[in-house]
Amino acid sequence: ELPDTPPFLLASWRMQTTSIILAFGAGYQGWNETRELLLRWLHSFPLLMISGVCLAAHFGLWVWGLQNTSLPHSLLLVCCTPLLLSFGSLALCLQISAGEIASSVLGALGVALMAADVGQTRGDDAVTWFGDVMSLGAAAAIIGYMLIGHQLRQWMPLFLYVFPVTLTAAVVLAVASALVEDAGVLTDRTQGGQGGHAGIFGWTTDLRSFVVTAYLALGPGLVGHTGYNGVLRHVSPLVVSLALTLEPLFGSLLGWALGVAGAPGWRTFVGGAALVAAVGFVVVASSRRAEKRV
């Protein structure tokens, strides 16, 4: 809905508004926690900031990819993080099950078939190598965030984790936008301050930008992303991971139904189905391997 907003800037707007909302939860939890936990929380700030940098890279690359390829391609590729972890384990000669290897091969075949759609146009969406690679890079960038979150969320309250991480991501993306996209404070610097509302805090000066950014913060940001971190304490990570593999399916169908994305080509449909199945299989296989190790 904001196609003219540069990717790093748009991602920063989302992180800014989300962090404002999360600040209230963090303040409440911080006020009610023990001094010992708060000291431990302060000592964890280096890890929290690293996690925030990873989150910034994830959203920056994802928005960049989404603006340069089709919605189904972007959603499918950005959700294949479990496959990248399996490929990484193979490359590092770490222990990995036969099921994970088979799933990785299936996922690679799915990506290869999807790549054959590069250059095709569906509705207003054109599939490009650049957009696909950026989306895949977003899937890789989130790995650090997931690993650090898995470690810290064992003892750290939800909002005390997600608030500093999200705020760090907002700052990193704002700096990146200022350096790469010439974003000023409220406007774009490239046109002598007359570049519309493309500034670091430009979402506060334009009603349309404010509404879209607020939706991204309340919907995908608070309910989706923060909700994912919240349910990990109450639901098996396997169930959560399998549920996330359905995001490309429902996201693509919703985009098509709302008229913001074209229907995928048959290569994307078949390759995407193989990729989603591969992600689901590798999540189950890795979970079973972990259970056997315990």
C-alpha atoms as a PDB file:
ATOM      1  CA  GLU A   1       0.000   0.000   0.000  1.00  0.00           C
ATOM      2  CA  LEU A   2       3.059   2.304   0.195  1.00  0.00           C
ATOM      3  CA  PRO A   3       4.964   1.280  -2.959  1.00  0.00           C
ATOM      4  CA  ASP A   4       6.921   4.541  -3.180  1.00  0.00           C
ATOM      5  CA  THR A   5       8.356   4.251   0.332  1.00  0.00           C
ATOM      6  CA  PRO A   6      11.946   2.892   0.296  1.00  0.00           C
ATOM      7  CA  PRO A   7      12.280  -0.590   1.857  1.00  0.00           C
ATOM      8  CA  PHE A   8      14.544   0.217   4.816  1.00  0.00           C
ATOM      9  CA  LEU A   9      12.409   3.233   5.671  1.00  0.00           C
ATOM     10  CA  LEU A  10       9.143   1.291   5.512  1.00  0.00           C
ATOM     11  CA  ALA A  11      10.615  -1.475   7.667  1.00  0.00           C
ATOM     12  CA  SER A  12      11.834   1.151  10.153  1.00  0.00           C
ATOM     13  CA  TRP A  13       8.359   2.690  10.340  1.00  0.00           C
ATOM     14  CA  ARG A  14       6.915  -0.692  11.245  1.00  0.00           C
ATOM     15  CA  MET A  15       9.563  -1.293  13.917  1.00  0.00           C
ATOM     16  CA  GLN A  16       9.088   2.229  15.332  1.00  0.00           C
ATOM     17  CA  THR A  17       5.345   1.912  15.769  1.00  0.00           C
ATOM     18  CA  THR A  18       5.595  -1.633  17.093  1.00  0.00           C
ATOM     19  CA  SER A  19       8.229  -0.634  19.659  1.00  0.00           C
ATOM     20  CA  ILE A  20       6.013   2.234  20.896  1.00  0.00           C
ATOM     21  CA  ILE A  21       3.239  -0.265  21.631  1.00  0.00           C
ATOM     22  CA  LEU A  22       5.626  -2.806  23.165  1.00  0.00           C
ATOM     23  CA  ALA A  23       7.105  -0.138  25.467  1.00  0.00           C
ATOM     24  CA  PHE A  24       3.955  -0.193  27.598  1.00  0.00           C
ATOM     25  CA  GLY A  25       4.193  -3.942  28.127  1.00  0.00           C
ATOM     26  CA  ALA A  26       7.916  -3.710  28.869  1.00  0.00           C
ATOM     27  CA  GLY A  27       7.327  -0.933  31.395  1.00  0.00           C
ATOM     28  CA  TYR A  28       4.655  -2.950  33.178  1.00  0.00           C
ATOM     29  CA  GLN A  29       6.758  -6.112  33.318  1.00  0.00           C
ATOM     30  CA  GLY A  30       9.874  -4.217  34.371  1.00  0.00           C
ATOM     31  CA  TRP A  31       7.998  -2.509  37.212  1.00  0.00           C
ATOM     32  CA  ASN A  32       6.802  -5.856  38.564  1.00  0.00           C
ATOM     33  CA  GLU A  33       9.995  -7.906  38.157  1.00  0.00           C
ATOM     34  CA  THR A  34      12.638  -8.574  40.786  1.00  0.00           C
ATOM     35  CA  ARG A  35      15.850  -6.586  40.993  1.00  0.00           C
ATOM     36  CA  GLU A  36      17.862  -9.739  40.270  1.00  0.00           C
ATOM     37  CA  LEU A  37      16.021 -10.402  37.009  1.00  0.00           C
ATOM     38  CA  LEU A  38      16.336  -6.780  35.888  1.00  0.00           C
ATOM     39  CA  LEU A  39      20.100  -6.876  36.504  1.00  0.00           C
ATOM     40  CA  ARG A  40      20.316 -10.072  34.482  1.00  0.00           C
ATOM     41  CA  TRP A  41      18.249  -8.356  31.784  1.00  0.00           C
ATOM     42  CA  LEU A  42      20.635  -5.387  31.662  1.00  0.00           C
ATOM     43  CA  HIS A  43      23.624  -7.717  31.382  1.00  0.00           C
ATOM     44  CA  SER A  44      21.932  -9.369  28.379  1.00  0.00           C
ATOM     45  CA  PHE A  45      21.753  -6.130  26.377  1.00  0.00           C
ATOM     46  CA  PRO A  46      24.623  -7.039  24.012  1.00  0.00           C
ATOM     47  CA  LEU A  47      22.706 -10.159  22.943  1.00  0.00           C
ATOM     48  CA  LEU A  48      19.475  -8.184  22.693  1.00  0.00           C
ATOM     49  CA  MET A  49      21.117  -5.650  20.382  1.00  0.00           C
ATOM     50  CA  ILE A  50      22.619  -8.383  18.189  1.00  0.00           C
ATOM     51  CA  SER A  51      19.167  -9.934  17.959  1.00  0.00           C
ATOM     52  CA  GLY A  52      17.796  -6.515  16.979  1.00  0.00           C
ATOM     53  CA  VAL A  53      20.372  -6.148  14.203  1.00  0.00           C
ATOM     54  CA  CYS A  54      19.353  -9.568  12.852  1.00  0.00           C
ATOM     55  CA  LEU A  55      15.691  -8.549  13.008  1.00  0.00           C
ATOM     56  CA  ALA A  56      16.490  -5.310  11.169  1.00  0.00           C
ATOM     57  CA  ALA A  57      18.306  -7.206   8.420  1.00  0.00           C
ATOM     58  CA  HIS A  58      15.388  -9.631   8.154  1.00  0.00           C
ATOM     59  CA  PHE A  59      12.688  -6.990   7.728  1.00  0.00           C
ATOM     60  CA  GLY A  60      14.820  -4.677   5.610  1.00  0.00           C
ATOM     61  CA  LEU A  61      15.672  -7.436   3.138  1.00  0.00           C
ATOM     62  CA  TRP A  62      12.139  -8.825   3.190  1.00  0.00           C
ATOM     63  CA  VAL A  63      10.487  -5.501   2.333  1.00  0.00           C
ATOM     64  CA  TRP A  64      13.158  -4.920  -0.316  1.00  0.00           C
ATOM     65  CA  GLY A  65      12.439  -8.337  -1.794  1.00  0.00           C
ATOM     66  CA  LEU A  66       8.670  -7.904  -1.565  1.00  0.00           C
ATOM     67  CA  GLN A  67       8.890  -4.660  -3.549  1.00  0.00           C
ATOM     68  CA  ASN A  68      10.856  -6.418  -6.298  1.00  0.00           C
ATOM     69  CA  THR A  69       9.165  -9.792  -6.768  1.00  0.00           C
ATOM     70  CA  SER A  70       5.736 -11.396  -6.479  1.00  0.00           C
ATOM     71  CA  LEU A  71       3.971 -11.821  -3.138  1.00  0.00           C
ATOM     72  CA  PRO A  72       3.887 -15.664  -3.332  1.00  0.00           C
ATOM     73  CA  HIS A  73       7.615 -15.839  -4.140  1.00  0.00           C
ATOM     74  CA  SER A  74       8.523 -13.483  -1.308  1.00  0.00           C
ATOM     75  CA  LEU A  75       6.386 -15.276   1.298  1.00  0.00           C
ATOM     76  CA  LEU A  76       7.578 -18.722   0.251  1.00  0.00           C
ATOM     77  CA  LEU A  77      11.269 -17.852   0.272  1.00  0.00           C
ATOM     78  CA  VAL A  78      11.220 -15.846   3.500  1.00  0.00           C
ATOM     79  CA  CYS A  79       9.678 -18.802   5.367  1.00  0.00           C
ATOM     80  CA  CYS A  80      12.313 -21.378   4.405  1.00  0.00           C
ATOM     81  CA  THR A  81      14.635 -20.651   7.363  1.00  0.00           C
ATOM     82  CA  PRO A  82      14.428 -24.270   8.646  1.00  0.00           C
ATOM     83  CA  LEU A  83      15.758 -25.460   5.285  1.00  0.00           C
ATOM     84  CA  LEU A  84      18.658 -23.006   5.458  1.00  0.00           C
ATOM     85  CA  LEU A  85      19.509 -24.334   8.925  1.00  0.00           C
ATOM     86  CA  SER A  86      19.598 -27.861   7.503  1.00  0.00           C
ATOM     87  CA  PHE A  87      21.830 -26.781   4.621  1.00  0.00           C
ATOM     88  CA  GLY A  88      24.083 -25.043   7.137  1.00  0.00           C
ATOM     89  CA  SER A  89      24.323 -28.210   9.211  1.00  0.00           C
ATOM     90  CA  LEU A  90      25.258 -30.163   6.100  1.00  0.00           C
ATOM     91  CA  ALA A  91      27.903 -27.621   5.112  1.00  0.00           C
ATOM     92  CA  LEU A  92      29.420 -27.694   8.610  1.00  0.00           C
ATOM     93  CA  CYS A  93      29.272 -31.521   8.734  1.00  0.00           C
ATOM     94  CA  LEU A  94      27.050 -31.422  11.825  1.00  0.00           C
ATOM     95  CA  GLN A  95      24.779 -34.287  12.828  1.00  0.00           C
ATOM     96  CA  ILE A  96      21.669 -34.349  10.667  1.00  0.00           C
ATOM     97  CA  SER A  97      19.024 -36.987  10.011  1.00  0.00           C
ATOM     98  CA  ALA A  98      18.130 -38.640   6.721  1.00  0.00           C
ATOM     99  CA  GLY A  99      14.717 -36.976   6.881  1.00  0.00           C
ATOM    100  CA  GLU A 100      16.319 -33.541   7.077  1.00  0.00           C
ATOM    101  CA  ILE A 101      18.574 -34.332   4.117  1.00  0.00           C
ATOM    102  CA  ALA A 102      15.625 -35.554   2.029  1.00  0.00           C
ATOM    103  CA  SER A 103      13.609 -32.467   2.981  1.00  0.00           C
ATOM    104  CA  SER A 104      16.499 -30.205   2.004  1.00  0.00           C
ATOM    105  CA  VAL A 105      16.708 -31.849  -1.417  1.00  0.00           C
ATOM    106  CA  LEU A 106      12.942 -31.478  -1.903  1.00  0.00           C
ATOM    107  CA  GLY A 107      13.150 -27.830  -0.874  1.00  0.00           C
ATOM    108  CA  ALA A 108      16.017 -27.171  -3.284  1.00  0.00           C
ATOM    109  CA  LEU A 109      14.009 -28.703  -6.127  1.00  0.00           C
ATOM    110  CA  GLY A 110      11.036 -26.527  -5.189  1.00  0.00           C
ATOM    111  CA  VAL A 111      13.154 -23.364  -5.223  1.00  0.00           C
ATOM    112  CA  ALA A 112      14.666 -24.374  -8.575  1.00  0.00           C
ATOM    113  CA  LEU A 113      11.211 -24.817 -10.091  1.00  0.00           C
ATOM    114  CA  MET A 114      10.075 -21.476  -8.685  1.00  0.00           C
ATOM    115  CA  ALA A 115      13.169 -19.837 -10.158  1.00  0.00           C
ATOM    116  CA  ALA A 116      11.943 -20.851 -13.605  1.00  0.00           C
ATOM    117  CA  ASP A 117       9.184 -18.254 -13.186  1.00  0.00           C
ATOM    118  CA  VAL A 118      11.713 -15.404 -13.047  1.00  0.00           C
ATOM    119  CA  GLY A 119      10.789 -12.819 -15.664  1.00  0.00           C
ATOM    120  CA  GLN A 120       7.094 -13.730 -15.617  1.00  0.00           C
ATOM    121  CA  THR A 121       4.468 -11.136 -14.706  1.00  0.00           C
ATOM    122  CA  ARG A 122       1.334 -11.951 -12.724  1.00  0.00           C
ATOM    123  CA  GLY A 123      -1.032  -9.020 -12.405  1.00  0.00           C
ATOM    124  CA  ASP A 124       1.114  -6.107 -11.249  1.00  0.00           C
ATOM    125  CA  ASP A 125       3.814  -8.412  -9.826  1.00  0.00           C
ATOM    126  CA  ALA A 126       6.951  -9.304 -11.762  1.00  0.00           C
ATOM    127  CA  VAL A 127       9.114 -12.180 -10.519  1.00  0.00           C
ATOM    128  CA  THR A 128      12.787 -11.124 -10.427  1.00  0.00           C
ATOM    129  CA  TRP A 129      16.057 -12.703  -9.351  1.00  0.00           C
ATOM    130  CA  PHE A 130      16.858  -9.683  -7.215  1.00  0.00           C
ATOM    131  CA  GLY A 131      13.596  -9.818  -5.266  1.00  0.00           C
ATOM    132  CA  ASP A 132      13.873 -13.573  -4.763  1.00  0.00           C
ATOM    133  CA  VAL A 133      17.465 -13.343  -3.511  1.00  0.00           C
ATOM    134  CA  MET A 134      16.573 -10.536  -1.093  1.00  0.00           C
ATOM    135  CA  SER A 135      13.674 -12.600   0.282  1.00  0.00           C
ATOM    136  CA  LEU A 136      15.965 -15.589   0.708  1.00  0.00           C
ATOM    137  CA  GLY A 137      18.476 -13.328   2.450  1.00  0.00           C
ATOM    138  CA  ALA A 138      15.713 -12.289   4.856  1.00  0.00           C
ATOM    139  CA  ALA A 139      15.164 -15.948   5.730  1.00  0.00           C
ATOM    140  CA  ALA A 140      18.872 -16.286   6.531  1.00  0.00           C
ATOM    141  CA  ALA A 141      19.043 -13.041   8.528  1.00  0.00           C
ATOM    142  CA  ILE A 142      16.359 -14.155  10.995  1.00  0.00           C
ATOM    143  CA  ILE A 143      18.440 -17.146  12.150  1.00  0.00           C
ATOM    144  CA  GLY A 144      20.431 -15.103  14.662  1.00  0.00           C
ATOM    145  CA  TYR A 145      17.239 -13.598  16.060  1.00  0.00           C
ATOM    146  CA  MET A 146      15.702 -17.049  16.490  1.00  0.00           C
ATOM    147  CA  LEU A 147      18.755 -18.559  18.190  1.00  0.00           C
ATOM    148  CA  ILE A 148      19.175 -15.668  20.630  1.00  0.00           C
ATOM    149  CA  GLY A 149      15.450 -15.565  21.316  1.00  0.00           C
ATOM    150  CA  HIS A 150      15.376 -19.290  22.054  1.00  0.00           C
ATOM    151  CA  GLN A 151      18.147 -18.783  24.613  1.00  0.00           C
ATOM    152  CA  LEU A 152      16.865 -15.636  26.326  1.00  0.00           C
ATOM    153  CA  ARG A 153      13.162 -16.451  26.330  1.00  0.00           C
ATOM    154  CA  GLN A 154      13.849 -19.385  28.666  1.00  0.00           C
ATOM    155  CA  TRP A 155      13.917 -16.860  31.526  1.00  0.00           C
ATOM    156  CA  MET A 156      13.235 -13.399  30.129  1.00  0.00           C
ATOM    157  CA  PRO A 157       9.654 -12.021  30.162  1.00  0.00           C
ATOM    158  CA  LEU A 158       8.106 -11.519  26.728  1.00  0.00           C
ATOM    159  CA  PHE A 159       7.969  -7.722  26.519  1.00  0.00           C
ATOM    160  CA  LEU A 160      11.366  -7.241  28.164  1.00  0.00           C
ATOM    161  CA  TYR A 161      12.733  -9.275  25.260  1.00  0.00           C
ATOM    162  CA  VAL A 162      10.773  -8.004  22.271  1.00  0.00           C
ATOM    163  CA  PHE A 163      10.826  -4.283  23.162  1.00  0.00           C
ATOM    164  CA  PRO A 164      14.617  -3.636  23.154  1.00  0.00           C
ATOM    165  CA  VAL A 165      15.059  -5.967  20.177  1.00  0.00           C
ATOM    166  CA  THR A 166      12.369  -4.190  18.147  1.00  0.00           C
ATOM    167  CA  LEU A 167      13.642  -0.748  19.165  1.00  0.00           C
ATOM    168  CA  THR A 168      17.182  -1.704  18.128  1.00  0.00           C
ATOM    169  CA  ALA A 169      15.842  -2.885  14.768  1.00  0.00           C
ATOM    170  CA  ALA A 170      13.995   0.424  14.309  1.00  0.00           C
ATOM    171  CA  VAL A 171      17.165   2.439  14.988  1.00  0.00           C
ATOM    172  CA  VAL A 172      19.345   0.273  12.727  1.00  0.00           C
ATOM    173  CA  LEU A 173      16.848   0.508   9.867  1.00  0.00           C
ATOM    174  CA  ALA A 174      16.469   4.279  10.335  1.00  0.00           C
ATOM    175  CA  VAL A 175      20.245   4.750  10.144  1.00  0.00           C
ATOM    176  CA  ALA A 176      20.405   2.485   7.086  1.00  0.00           C
ATOM    177  CA  SER A 177      17.635   4.488   5.420  1.00  0.00           C
ATOM    178  CA  ALA A 178      19.395   7.784   6.158  1.00  0.00           C
ATOM    179  CA  LEU A 179      22.668   6.473   4.695  1.00  0.00           C
ATOM    180  CA  VAL A 180      21.359   4.498   1.713  1.00  0.00           C
ATOM    181  CA  GLU A 181      17.980   6.038   0.890  1.00  0.00           C
ATOM    182  CA  ASP A 182      18.705   9.693   1.833  1.00  0.00           C
ATOM    183  CA  ALA A 183      15.862   9.796   4.338  1.00  0.00           C
ATOM    184  CA  GLY A 184      15.714  12.974   6.390  1.00  0.00           C
ATOM    185  CA  VAL A 185      13.874  13.418   9.675  1.00  0.00           C
ATOM    186  CA  LEU A 186      10.417  14.086   8.222  1.00  0.00           C
ATOM    187  CA  THR A 187      11.077  14.247   4.466  1.00  0.00           C
ATOM    188  CA  ASP A 188      13.352  12.909   1.738  1.00  0.00           C
ATOM    189  CA  ARG A 189      16.603  14.922   1.599  1.00  0.00           C
ATOM    190  CA  THR A 190      17.084  14.340  -2.138  1.00  0.00           C
ATOM    191  CA  GLN A 191      14.584  17.032  -3.162  1.00  0.00           C
ATOM    192  CA  GLY A 192      15.504  19.789  -0.746  1.00  0.00           C
ATOM    193  CA  GLY A 193      12.968  18.677   1.824  1.00  0.00           C
ATOM    194  CA  GLN A 194      10.200  18.459  -0.796  1.00  0.00           C
ATOM    195  CA  GLY A 195      10.354  14.689  -1.227  1.00  0.00           C
ATOM    196  CA  GLY A 196       6.973  13.927   0.288  1.00  0.00           C
ATOM    197  CA  HIS A 197       6.763  12.087   3.589  1.00  0.00           C
ATOM    198  CA  ALA A 198       9.739   9.764   3.023  1.00  0.00           C
ATOM    199  CA  GLY A 199      11.503  10.745   6.242  1.00  0.00           C
ATOM    200  CA  ILE A 200      12.516   8.683   9.251  1.00  0.00           C
ATOM    201  CA  PHE A 201       9.419   9.895  11.120  1.00  0.00           C
ATOM    202  CA  GLY A 202       7.428  10.593   7.962  1.00  0.00           C
ATOM    203  CA  TRP A 203       4.681   8.192   9.026  1.00  0.00           C
ATOM    204  CA  THR A 204       3.630  10.770  11.646  1.00  0.00           C
ATOM    205  CA  THR A 205       2.962  13.516   9.067  1.00  0.00           C
ATOM    206  CA  ASP A 206       0.779  11.668   6.549  1.00  0.00           C
ATOM    207  CA  LEU A 207      -2.569  10.048   7.372  1.00  0.00           C
ATOM    208  CA  ARG A 208      -2.264   7.222   4.833  1.00  0.00           C
ATOM    209  CA  SER A 209       1.244   6.347   5.991  1.00  0.00           C
ATOM    210  CA  PHE A 210       0.106   6.502   9.617  1.00  0.00           C
ATOM    211  CA  VAL A 211      -2.851   4.152   9.047  1.00  0.00           C
ATOM    212  CA  VAL A 212      -0.821   1.587   7.100  1.00  0.00           C
ATOM    213  CA  THR A 213       2.062   1.691   9.585  1.00  0.00           C
ATOM    214  CA  ALA A 214      -0.315   1.406  12.555  1.00  0.00           C
ATOM    215  CA  TYR A 215      -1.909  -1.650  10.952  1.00  0.00           C
ATOM    216  CA  LEU A 216       1.514  -3.242  10.426  1.00  0.00           C
ATOM    217  CA  ALA A 217       2.333  -2.615  14.089  1.00  0.00           C
ATOM    218  CA  LEU A 218      -0.950  -3.873  15.544  1.00  0.00           C
ATOM    219  CA  GLY A 219      -1.582  -6.752  13.134  1.00  0.00           C
ATOM    220  CA  PRO A 220       1.577  -8.454  11.846  1.00  0.00           C
ATOM    221  CA  GLY A 221       3.762  -6.780  14.477  1.00  0.00           C
ATOM    222  CA  LEU A 222       1.927  -7.214  17.784  1.00  0.00           C
ATOM    223  CA  VAL A 223      -0.470 -10.086  17.090  1.00  0.00           C
ATOM    224  CA  GLY A 224       1.730 -11.970  14.632  1.00  0.00           C
ATOM    225  CA  HIS A 225       5.382 -11.471  15.470  1.00  0.00           C
ATOM    226  CA  THR A 226       5.073 -10.816  19.208  1.00  0.00           C
ATOM    227  CA  GLY A 227       2.398 -13.498  19.464  1.00  0.00           C
ATOM    228  CA  TYR A 228       4.846 -15.994  17.962  1.00  0.00           C
ATOM    229  CA  ASN A 229       7.315 -15.259  20.765  1.00  0.00           C
ATOM    230  CA  GLY A 230       4.559 -15.390  23.370  1.00  0.00           C
ATOM    231  CA  VAL A 231       3.106 -18.797  22.521  1.00  0.00           C
ATOM    232  CA  LEU A 232       6.498 -20.506  22.575  1.00  0.00           C
ATOM    233  CA  ARG A 233       6.181 -20.827  26.350  1.00  0.00           C
ATOM    234  CA  HIS A 234       2.814 -22.554  26.089  1.00  0.00           C
ATOM    235  CA  VAL A 235       2.875 -24.459  22.784  1.00  0.00           C
ATOM    236  CA  SER A 236       5.432 -26.854  21.362  1.00  0.00           C
ATOM    237  CA  PRO A 237       7.929 -25.137  19.020  1.00  0.00           C
ATOM    238  CA  LEU A 238       7.133 -27.912  16.539  1.00  0.00           C
ATOM    239  CA  VAL A 239       3.463 -26.900  16.414  1.00  0.00           C
ATOM    240  CA  VAL A 240       4.365 -23.209  16.066  1.00  0.00           C
ATOM    241  CA  SER A 241       6.890 -23.900  13.300  1.00  0.00           C
ATOM    242  CA  LEU A 242       4.439 -26.067  11.371  1.00  0.00           C
ATOM    243  CA  ALA A 243       1.765 -23.379  11.691  1.00  0.00           C
ATOM    244  CA  LEU A 244       4.171 -20.792  10.266  1.00  0.00           C
ATOM    245  CA  THR A 245       4.697 -22.931   7.158  1.00  0.00           C
ATOM    246  CA  LEU A 246       1.078 -22.161   6.223  1.00  0.00           C
ATOM    247  CA  GLU A 247       1.797 -18.410   6.065  1.00  0.00           C
ATOM    248  CA  PRO A 248       2.787 -18.416   2.362  1.00  0.00           C
ATOM    249  CA  LEU A 249      -0.420 -20.257   1.442  1.00  0.00           C
ATOM    250  CA  PHE A 250      -2.814 -18.006   3.345  1.00  0.00           C
ATOM    251  CA  GLY A 251      -0.809 -14.862   2.572  1.00  0.00           C
ATOM    252  CA  SER A 252      -0.849 -15.542  -1.169  1.00  0.00           C
ATOM    253  CA  LEU A 253      -4.562 -16.394  -1.167  1.00  0.00           C
ATOM    254  CA  LEU A 254      -5.354 -13.252   0.835  1.00  0.00           C
ATOM    255  CA  GLY A 255      -3.257 -11.082  -1.481  1.00  0.00           C
ATOM    256  CA  TRP A 256      -4.997 -12.557  -4.528  1.00  0.00           C
ATOM    257  CA  ALA A 257      -8.465 -12.153  -2.951  1.00  0.00           C
ATOM    258  CA  LEU A 258      -7.775  -8.499  -2.075  1.00  0.00           C
ATOM    259  CA  GLY A 259      -6.443  -7.801  -5.551  1.00  0.00           C
ATOM    260  CA  VAL A 260      -2.957  -6.769  -4.405  1.00  0.00           C
ATOM    261  CA  ALA A 261      -1.230  -9.805  -5.961  1.00  0.00           C
ATOM    262  CA  GLY A 262      -1.713 -11.880  -9.067  1.00  0.00           C
ATOM    263  CA  ALA A 263      -2.374 -15.611  -9.064  1.00  0.00           C
ATOM    264  CA  PRO A 264       0.893 -17.596  -9.042  1.00  0.00           C
ATOM    265  CA  GLY A 265       2.087 -19.411 -12.148  1.00  0.00           C
ATOM    266  CA  TRP A 266       2.069 -23.205 -12.214  1.00  0.00           C
ATOM    267  CA  ARG A 267       5.819 -23.402 -11.539  1.00  0.00           C
ATOM    268  CA  THR A 268       5.445 -21.210  -8.465  1.00  0.00           C
ATOM    269  CA  PHE A 269       2.396 -23.221  -7.394  1.00  0.00           C
ATOM    270  CA  VAL A 270       4.080 -26.635  -7.722  1.00  0.00           C
ATOM    271  CA  GLY A 271       7.504 -25.467  -6.555  1.00  0.00           C
ATOM    272  CA  GLY A 272       5.951 -23.559  -3.667  1.00  0.00           C
ATOM    273  CA  ALA A 273       3.962 -26.611  -2.588  1.00  0.00           C
ATOM    274  CA  ALA A 274       7.180 -28.645  -2.608  1.00  0.00           C
ATOM    275  CA  LEU A 275       8.955 -25.929  -0.614  1.00  0.00           C
ATOM    276  CA  VAL A 276       6.196 -25.712   2.018  1.00  0.00           C
ATOM    277  CA  ALA A 277       6.144 -29.512   2.325  1.00  0.00           C
ATOM    278  CA  ALA A 278       9.937 -29.576   2.646  1.00  0.00           C
ATOM    279  CA  VAL A 279       9.886 -26.966   5.414  1.00  0.00           C
ATOM    280  CA  GLY A 280       7.230 -28.947   7.283  1.00  0.00           C
ATOM    281  CA  PHE A 281       9.150 -32.207   6.877  1.00  0.00           C
ATOM    282  CA  VAL A 282      12.446 -30.712   8.026  1.00  0.00           C
ATOM    283  CA  VAL A 283      10.800 -29.186  11.112  1.00  0.00           C
ATOM    284  CA  VAL A 284       9.349 -32.582  12.083  1.00  0.00           C
ATOM    285  CA  ALA A 285      12.592 -34.441  11.299  1.00  0.00           C
ATOM    286  CA  SER A 286      14.764 -32.036  13.284  1.00  0.00           C
ATOM    287  CA  SER A 287      12.331 -32.179  16.218  1.00  0.00           C
ATOM    288  CA  ARG A 288      12.458 -35.979  16.265  1.00  0.00           C
ATOM    289  CA  ARG A 289      16.258 -35.925  16.098  1.00  0.00           C
ATOM    290  CA  ALA A 290      16.359 -33.553  19.065  1.00  0.00           C
ATOM    291  CA  GLU A 291      14.011 -35.816  21.045  1.00  0.00           C
ATOM    292  CA  LYS A 292      16.209 -38.856  20.398  1.00  0.00           C
ATOM    293  CA  ARG A 293      19.281 -36.933  21.523  1.00  0.00           C
ATOM    294  CA  VAL A 294      17.562 -36.123  24.819  1.00  0.00           C
END
